[in-house]
Every structure is written in C-alpha cells, then in structure tokens.
Amino acid sequence: MGINPAAIQTLVSTYTTEADHALVNVRTALGDINPNAPAQVRKAVQSRFNVNLPSADESTLKTYQGSVPVLVDLLAYRQALKKKATAESWLQAAGTDHRVHPSFNSLAAATGG
C-alpha cells in the first residue's frame, strides 16, 4: 500500500496544532497539570470546579463535560494526540519506497478469544 509522506506529515502538523490549542485551554482552566495524569486531572477539576470525578477515562469525561466545559478540550487534546501518533506510525511503517509492506504468517499461533 502506497502512502503520501507529505500528506501524512501535514496531518501530523494539523494534529499537533490541535493538541497544542486544546492544551492551552486545559491549562488555562485547570492550571499547569499533566493532562495525561488522571490523578492530576481529577484533583484540578475537584479544586477548580468542585466536581469529584470518579475517573479520568474517556467515558467519565464525556459524562461530566456538561458541568465542566474544559473537559471538552481535554478530550480533544487526547484525541488529537492519538491521531498524531497514528499518522506518525504510518510514516515509520513506510519503507524508502513510501509503501507499507504487510506480512502474514499463516502458520502462526491463533490469537484472541
């Protein structure tokens, strides 16, 4: 499968910009926290918004985003980082010919349940 490295690099840049913008909003609302550290997120939300998050996972943040609007930005930040990592992995997987060369081993052990 061929890829367009320039187009993928553009995606990486776009996702980086999205993450940076969302991070500014998160840190403006919650202080200088690590948005990937659940304990810091929960503590900051508790102290700034008086909302006790039971968790900082995606489903919990979506549940509470109505009462804590900055959680929309936190979710956007995390989503942009995931998309950026995926795009970067495409660039790394491509060979010098800008193609991804998958492999399949039919004799390998079955996985899954």
N, C-alpha and C. Protein backbone atom coordinates (compact mmCIF):
# COMPACT_ATOMS: atom_id res chain seq x y z
N MET A 1 0.84 -1.16 0.00
CA MET A 1 0.00 0.00 0.00
C MET A 1 0.90 1.23 0.00
N GLY A 2 0.69 2.13 -0.94
CA GLY A 2 1.47 3.34 -1.02
C GLY A 2 0.90 4.44 -0.14
N ILE A 3 1.80 5.27 0.39
CA ILE A 3 1.37 6.41 1.19
C ILE A 3 1.97 7.67 0.61
N ASN A 4 1.41 8.80 0.96
CA ASN A 4 1.92 10.09 0.55
C ASN A 4 2.54 10.74 1.78
N PRO A 5 3.87 10.66 1.93
CA PRO A 5 4.51 11.18 3.14
C PRO A 5 4.21 12.66 3.40
N ALA A 6 4.14 13.47 2.37
CA ALA A 6 3.86 14.89 2.56
C ALA A 6 2.46 15.10 3.14
N ALA A 7 1.50 14.36 2.64
CA ALA A 7 0.13 14.49 3.15
C ALA A 7 0.04 14.01 4.60
N ILE A 8 0.74 12.93 4.90
CA ILE A 8 0.72 12.42 6.28
C ILE A 8 1.44 13.38 7.21
N GLN A 9 2.53 13.98 6.75
CA GLN A 9 3.23 14.96 7.57
C GLN A 9 2.33 16.17 7.83
N THR A 10 1.51 16.53 6.85
CA THR A 10 0.54 17.61 7.04
C THR A 10 -0.46 17.23 8.13
N LEU A 11 -0.90 15.98 8.13
CA LEU A 11 -1.80 15.51 9.19
C LEU A 11 -1.13 15.60 10.56
N VAL A 12 0.13 15.18 10.62
CA VAL A 12 0.87 15.25 11.89
C VAL A 12 0.91 16.69 12.38
N SER A 13 1.20 17.62 11.49
CA SER A 13 1.25 19.03 11.86
C SER A 13 -0.11 19.55 12.32
N THR A 14 -1.17 19.15 11.60
CA THR A 14 -2.52 19.56 11.96
C THR A 14 -2.90 19.06 13.35
N TYR A 15 -2.63 17.78 13.60
CA TYR A 15 -2.96 17.20 14.89
C TYR A 15 -2.11 17.80 16.01
N THR A 16 -0.87 18.15 15.72
CA THR A 16 -0.02 18.81 16.71
C THR A 16 -0.61 20.17 17.08
N THR A 17 -1.04 20.92 16.08
CA THR A 17 -1.65 22.23 16.32
C THR A 17 -2.94 22.09 17.14
N GLU A 18 -3.76 21.10 16.79
CA GLU A 18 -5.00 20.87 17.54
C GLU A 18 -4.70 20.54 19.00
N ALA A 19 -3.72 19.67 19.22
CA ALA A 19 -3.36 19.28 20.58
C ALA A 19 -2.82 20.48 21.36
N ASP A 20 -1.97 21.27 20.72
CA ASP A 20 -1.39 22.44 21.39
C ASP A 20 -2.48 23.43 21.79
N HIS A 21 -3.42 23.69 20.88
CA HIS A 21 -4.51 24.63 21.16
C HIS A 21 -5.37 24.12 22.33
N ALA A 22 -5.72 22.85 22.30
CA ALA A 22 -6.54 22.28 23.37
C ALA A 22 -5.78 22.30 24.70
N LEU A 23 -4.47 22.05 24.66
CA LEU A 23 -3.67 22.05 25.88
C LEU A 23 -3.63 23.43 26.52
N VAL A 24 -3.54 24.47 25.71
CA VAL A 24 -3.58 25.83 26.25
C VAL A 24 -4.89 26.06 26.99
N ASN A 25 -5.99 25.64 26.41
CA ASN A 25 -7.30 25.81 27.05
C ASN A 25 -7.39 25.00 28.35
N VAL A 26 -6.86 23.79 28.32
CA VAL A 26 -6.89 22.93 29.52
C VAL A 26 -6.07 23.58 30.64
N ARG A 27 -4.88 24.02 30.30
CA ARG A 27 -4.01 24.59 31.34
C ARG A 27 -4.52 25.95 31.82
N THR A 28 -5.21 26.68 30.96
CA THR A 28 -5.81 27.95 31.40
C THR A 28 -6.88 27.68 32.45
N ALA A 29 -7.66 26.63 32.23
CA ALA A 29 -8.76 26.32 33.15
C ALA A 29 -8.33 25.52 34.37
N LEU A 30 -7.34 24.62 34.20
CA LEU A 30 -7.00 23.70 35.29
C LEU A 30 -5.63 23.93 35.90
N GLY A 31 -4.86 24.85 35.36
CA GLY A 31 -3.52 25.08 35.87
C GLY A 31 -2.51 24.23 35.11
N ASP A 32 -1.28 24.30 35.56
CA ASP A 32 -0.17 23.62 34.88
C ASP A 32 -0.13 22.15 35.28
N ILE A 33 -1.06 21.38 34.74
CA ILE A 33 -1.14 19.95 35.06
C ILE A 33 -0.70 19.13 33.86
N ASN A 34 -0.42 17.86 34.10
CA ASN A 34 -0.19 16.91 33.02
C ASN A 34 -1.56 16.35 32.66
N PRO A 35 -2.08 16.68 31.47
CA PRO A 35 -3.43 16.23 31.11
C PRO A 35 -3.54 14.73 30.89
N ASN A 36 -2.40 14.05 30.89
CA ASN A 36 -2.41 12.59 30.74
C ASN A 36 -2.30 11.87 32.08
N ALA A 37 -2.24 12.65 33.16
CA ALA A 37 -2.14 12.07 34.51
C ALA A 37 -3.51 12.13 35.18
N PRO A 38 -4.21 11.01 35.26
CA PRO A 38 -5.56 11.01 35.81
C PRO A 38 -5.67 11.64 37.20
N ALA A 39 -4.72 11.38 38.06
CA ALA A 39 -4.79 11.93 39.42
C ALA A 39 -4.72 13.46 39.39
N GLN A 40 -3.87 14.01 38.54
CA GLN A 40 -3.76 15.47 38.44
C GLN A 40 -5.04 16.07 37.85
N VAL A 41 -5.60 15.41 36.86
CA VAL A 41 -6.84 15.91 36.25
C VAL A 41 -7.97 15.91 37.28
N ARG A 42 -8.13 14.80 37.98
CA ARG A 42 -9.19 14.70 38.97
C ARG A 42 -9.03 15.74 40.08
N LYS A 43 -7.81 15.92 40.56
CA LYS A 43 -7.55 16.89 41.63
C LYS A 43 -7.84 18.32 41.15
N ALA A 44 -7.41 18.65 39.93
CA ALA A 44 -7.62 20.00 39.40
C ALA A 44 -9.11 20.29 39.19
N VAL A 45 -9.83 19.32 38.66
CA VAL A 45 -11.27 19.50 38.45
C VAL A 45 -11.98 19.67 39.80
N GLN A 46 -11.57 18.88 40.77
CA GLN A 46 -12.17 18.99 42.11
C GLN A 46 -11.91 20.37 42.71
N SER A 47 -10.68 20.85 42.62
CA SER A 47 -10.35 22.12 43.26
C SER A 47 -10.90 23.33 42.50
N ARG A 48 -10.95 23.27 41.16
CA ARG A 48 -11.39 24.43 40.37
C ARG A 48 -12.91 24.47 40.13
N PHE A 49 -13.51 23.27 40.03
CA PHE A 49 -14.94 23.22 39.68
C PHE A 49 -15.80 22.55 40.75
N ASN A 50 -15.15 22.06 41.82
CA ASN A 50 -15.86 21.38 42.90
C ASN A 50 -16.69 20.20 42.37
N VAL A 51 -16.09 19.48 41.42
CA VAL A 51 -16.72 18.28 40.86
C VAL A 51 -15.77 17.12 41.11
N ASN A 52 -16.28 16.08 41.74
CA ASN A 52 -15.47 14.91 42.06
C ASN A 52 -15.60 13.87 40.95
N LEU A 53 -14.62 13.80 40.08
CA LEU A 53 -14.63 12.81 39.00
C LEU A 53 -14.27 11.45 39.57
N PRO A 54 -15.06 10.42 39.32
CA PRO A 54 -14.71 9.08 39.80
C PRO A 54 -13.51 8.49 39.03
N SER A 55 -13.27 9.02 37.84
CA SER A 55 -12.19 8.53 36.98
C SER A 55 -11.87 9.64 35.99
N ALA A 56 -10.76 9.47 35.29
CA ALA A 56 -10.42 10.44 34.23
C ALA A 56 -10.39 9.75 32.87
N ASP A 57 -11.13 8.65 32.75
CA ASP A 57 -11.18 7.96 31.47
C ASP A 57 -12.15 8.68 30.53
N GLU A 58 -12.13 8.29 29.27
CA GLU A 58 -12.90 8.98 28.25
C GLU A 58 -14.40 9.00 28.54
N SER A 59 -14.95 7.88 28.92
CA SER A 59 -16.40 7.84 29.14
C SER A 59 -16.82 8.72 30.32
N THR A 60 -16.01 8.75 31.36
CA THR A 60 -16.32 9.60 32.51
C THR A 60 -16.23 11.08 32.13
N LEU A 61 -15.18 11.44 31.39
CA LEU A 61 -15.03 12.83 30.97
C LEU A 61 -16.20 13.27 30.09
N LYS A 62 -16.65 12.39 29.22
CA LYS A 62 -17.80 12.72 28.38
C LYS A 62 -19.05 12.92 29.22
N THR A 63 -19.21 12.12 30.25
CA THR A 63 -20.37 12.24 31.13
C THR A 63 -20.39 13.59 31.85
N TYR A 64 -19.22 14.07 32.26
CA TYR A 64 -19.14 15.29 33.06
C TYR A 64 -18.85 16.55 32.24
N GLN A 65 -18.71 16.45 30.94
CA GLN A 65 -18.34 17.63 30.15
C GLN A 65 -19.43 18.71 30.16
N GLY A 66 -20.66 18.36 30.44
CA GLY A 66 -21.72 19.36 30.54
C GLY A 66 -21.54 20.28 31.74
N SER A 67 -21.05 19.72 32.85
CA SER A 67 -20.86 20.53 34.06
C SER A 67 -19.45 21.09 34.18
N VAL A 68 -18.51 20.54 33.43
CA VAL A 68 -17.12 21.03 33.43
C VAL A 68 -16.70 21.20 31.97
N PRO A 69 -16.99 22.36 31.37
CA PRO A 69 -16.76 22.54 29.93
C PRO A 69 -15.32 22.30 29.46
N VAL A 70 -14.33 22.51 30.31
CA VAL A 70 -12.95 22.31 29.88
C VAL A 70 -12.67 20.84 29.54
N LEU A 71 -13.52 19.95 29.98
CA LEU A 71 -13.32 18.54 29.66
C LEU A 71 -13.47 18.28 28.16
N VAL A 72 -14.21 19.13 27.47
CA VAL A 72 -14.29 19.04 26.00
C VAL A 72 -12.90 19.24 25.41
N ASP A 73 -12.17 20.24 25.94
CA ASP A 73 -10.82 20.49 25.46
C ASP A 73 -9.87 19.36 25.83
N LEU A 74 -10.04 18.81 27.03
CA LEU A 74 -9.18 17.70 27.45
C LEU A 74 -9.40 16.49 26.54
N LEU A 75 -10.64 16.20 26.22
CA LEU A 75 -10.93 15.10 25.30
C LEU A 75 -10.37 15.38 23.91
N ALA A 76 -10.48 16.63 23.46
CA ALA A 76 -9.93 17.00 22.14
C ALA A 76 -8.42 16.85 22.13
N TYR A 77 -7.77 17.23 23.22
CA TYR A 77 -6.32 17.09 23.34
C TYR A 77 -5.91 15.62 23.22
N ARG A 78 -6.56 14.79 23.98
CA ARG A 78 -6.22 13.36 23.95
C ARG A 78 -6.49 12.74 22.58
N GLN A 79 -7.60 13.13 21.95
CA GLN A 79 -7.93 12.59 20.63
C GLN A 79 -6.91 13.04 19.59
N ALA A 80 -6.50 14.30 19.65
CA ALA A 80 -5.50 14.81 18.70
C ALA A 80 -4.18 14.07 18.87
N LEU A 81 -3.79 13.78 20.11
CA LEU A 81 -2.55 13.03 20.33
C LEU A 81 -2.62 11.63 19.76
N LYS A 82 -3.79 10.99 19.89
CA LYS A 82 -3.96 9.64 19.33
C LYS A 82 -3.85 9.67 17.81
N LYS A 83 -4.51 10.65 17.20
CA LYS A 83 -4.46 10.77 15.74
C LYS A 83 -3.04 11.06 15.27
N LYS A 84 -2.35 11.93 16.00
CA LYS A 84 -0.97 12.26 15.65
C LYS A 84 -0.08 11.01 15.73
N ALA A 85 -0.23 10.23 16.79
CA ALA A 85 0.57 9.01 16.94
C ALA A 85 0.29 8.02 15.82
N THR A 86 -0.96 7.91 15.41
CA THR A 86 -1.31 7.01 14.31
C THR A 86 -0.65 7.46 13.01
N ALA A 87 -0.74 8.75 12.72
CA ALA A 87 -0.13 9.27 11.49
C ALA A 87 1.38 9.09 11.52
N GLU A 88 1.99 9.32 12.67
CA GLU A 88 3.44 9.13 12.78
C GLU A 88 3.82 7.67 12.58
N SER A 89 2.97 6.75 13.05
CA SER A 89 3.27 5.33 12.87
C SER A 89 3.19 4.93 11.40
N TRP A 90 2.31 5.60 10.63
CA TRP A 90 2.26 5.34 9.19
C TRP A 90 3.58 5.75 8.54
N LEU A 91 4.09 6.89 8.94
CA LEU A 91 5.37 7.34 8.37
C LEU A 91 6.50 6.38 8.72
N GLN A 92 6.50 5.89 9.94
CA GLN A 92 7.54 4.96 10.38
C GLN A 92 7.42 3.60 9.69
N ALA A 93 6.18 3.18 9.41
CA ALA A 93 5.96 1.87 8.79
C ALA A 93 6.32 1.86 7.31
N ALA A 94 6.32 3.02 6.69
CA ALA A 94 6.60 3.09 5.26
C ALA A 94 8.08 2.89 5.00
N GLY A 95 8.37 2.14 3.97
CA GLY A 95 9.75 1.94 3.57
C GLY A 95 10.25 3.12 2.76
N THR A 96 11.46 3.00 2.26
CA THR A 96 12.04 4.09 1.46
C THR A 96 11.27 4.29 0.16
N ASP A 97 10.49 3.29 -0.24
CA ASP A 97 9.68 3.42 -1.45
C ASP A 97 8.29 4.01 -1.15
N HIS A 98 8.08 4.48 0.11
CA HIS A 98 6.82 5.08 0.54
C HIS A 98 5.65 4.10 0.45
N ARG A 99 5.96 2.84 0.73
CA ARG A 99 4.93 1.82 0.74
C ARG A 99 4.99 1.08 2.08
N VAL A 100 3.81 0.66 2.53
CA VAL A 100 3.74 -0.18 3.71
C VAL A 100 3.69 -1.61 3.21
N HIS A 101 4.58 -2.44 3.74
CA HIS A 101 4.69 -3.82 3.29
C HIS A 101 4.21 -4.75 4.41
N PRO A 102 2.95 -5.12 4.41
CA PRO A 102 2.44 -6.01 5.45
C PRO A 102 2.97 -7.42 5.26
N SER A 103 2.95 -8.16 6.34
CA SER A 103 3.33 -9.57 6.25
C SER A 103 2.26 -10.42 6.93
N PHE A 104 2.16 -11.64 6.48
CA PHE A 104 1.15 -12.55 7.01
C PHE A 104 1.79 -13.92 7.18
N ASN A 105 1.70 -14.48 8.36
CA ASN A 105 2.24 -15.80 8.64
C ASN A 105 1.09 -16.73 8.94
N SER A 106 0.72 -17.56 7.98
CA SER A 106 -0.44 -18.44 8.17
C SER A 106 -0.17 -19.57 9.16
N LEU A 107 1.08 -19.78 9.51
CA LEU A 107 1.42 -20.85 10.46
C LEU A 107 1.57 -20.36 11.88
N ALA A 108 1.36 -19.07 12.10
CA ALA A 108 1.50 -18.51 13.44
C ALA A 108 0.35 -18.96 14.32
N ALA A 109 0.57 -18.90 15.62
CA ALA A 109 -0.47 -19.29 16.58
C ALA A 109 -1.65 -18.33 16.49
N ALA A 110 -2.83 -18.88 16.65
CA ALA A 110 -4.04 -18.06 16.65
C ALA A 110 -4.07 -17.21 17.92
N THR A 111 -4.58 -16.01 17.79
CA THR A 111 -4.69 -15.13 18.96
C THR A 111 -6.15 -14.76 19.16
N GLY A 112 -6.42 -14.21 20.27
CA GLY A 112 -7.80 -13.78 20.56
C GLY A 112 -8.54 -14.82 21.35
N GLY A 113 -9.80 -14.60 21.50
CA GLY A 113 -10.56 -15.48 22.38
C GLY A 113 -11.62 -16.13 21.65
